Amino acid sequence: MPDQKATFDDVNLKFRKIMNGNTVEFTMIQDFCRSDTYAQGFTNTAVKMIEDLEYLDKSLTDYLDKKRMQFARLYFTSNDELIGLMGNITNQAYVQVFLSKLFEGIAGLIFGEHQIVGFYSKSNEQLFFKSPISTLVPPELWLKEIEIGMKKTIYQQLHKGLKDYVLCQRGEANDSKR
């Protein structure tokens, strides 16, 4: 979003000049309002700033919608929350809090260096992914990998548990026949 950054910087500079009074040579607001040439210039600047801000807002919304299209659970977050996640992606504590909004059953993630190795439930059960998930990619991609990894891991654990149960039942049945 380099084009939008340049536009934002321009609007920000104009706003700061206006607020600091650098462009206003009048000591009284009435004098300012009576000066047609200066007031018209100010009005034109203000209108242009509003148009630029509307453009920036639309660009940001479009950008966030692209992120949401890549990971549908992000539709359950506000723009502010999503911007917060993207701005704090290296802050594990922030990610942990944000995670509960996306995955109801997960209380937190187990992090390695630049990777996520597992997760734990609200009842503090820990499950580890078969393959670690890299956090060096955009957040919408590793969040999707967490969702996939979660499903695979739970499936594997359920499959293992059922297999162990069947073997246990067969062992008990064989013992009772003797």
Foldseek 3Di string as FASTA:
>chain_A
DVVLVVLVVVLVVVVVCVVVCVLPPDPDVVVCVVPVVNVVVVVVSVVVSVVSVVVSVVVLVVVVVVLCVLPVLCVQDDSVLVVVCQVCVVPQVSVQVSVCSRDVFFNHFDDDVQWTFWTAGPVGDIWGFPDIAGNPDGPSVSVVVRVVRVVVRVVVVVVVVVVVVVVVVVVVVVVVVD
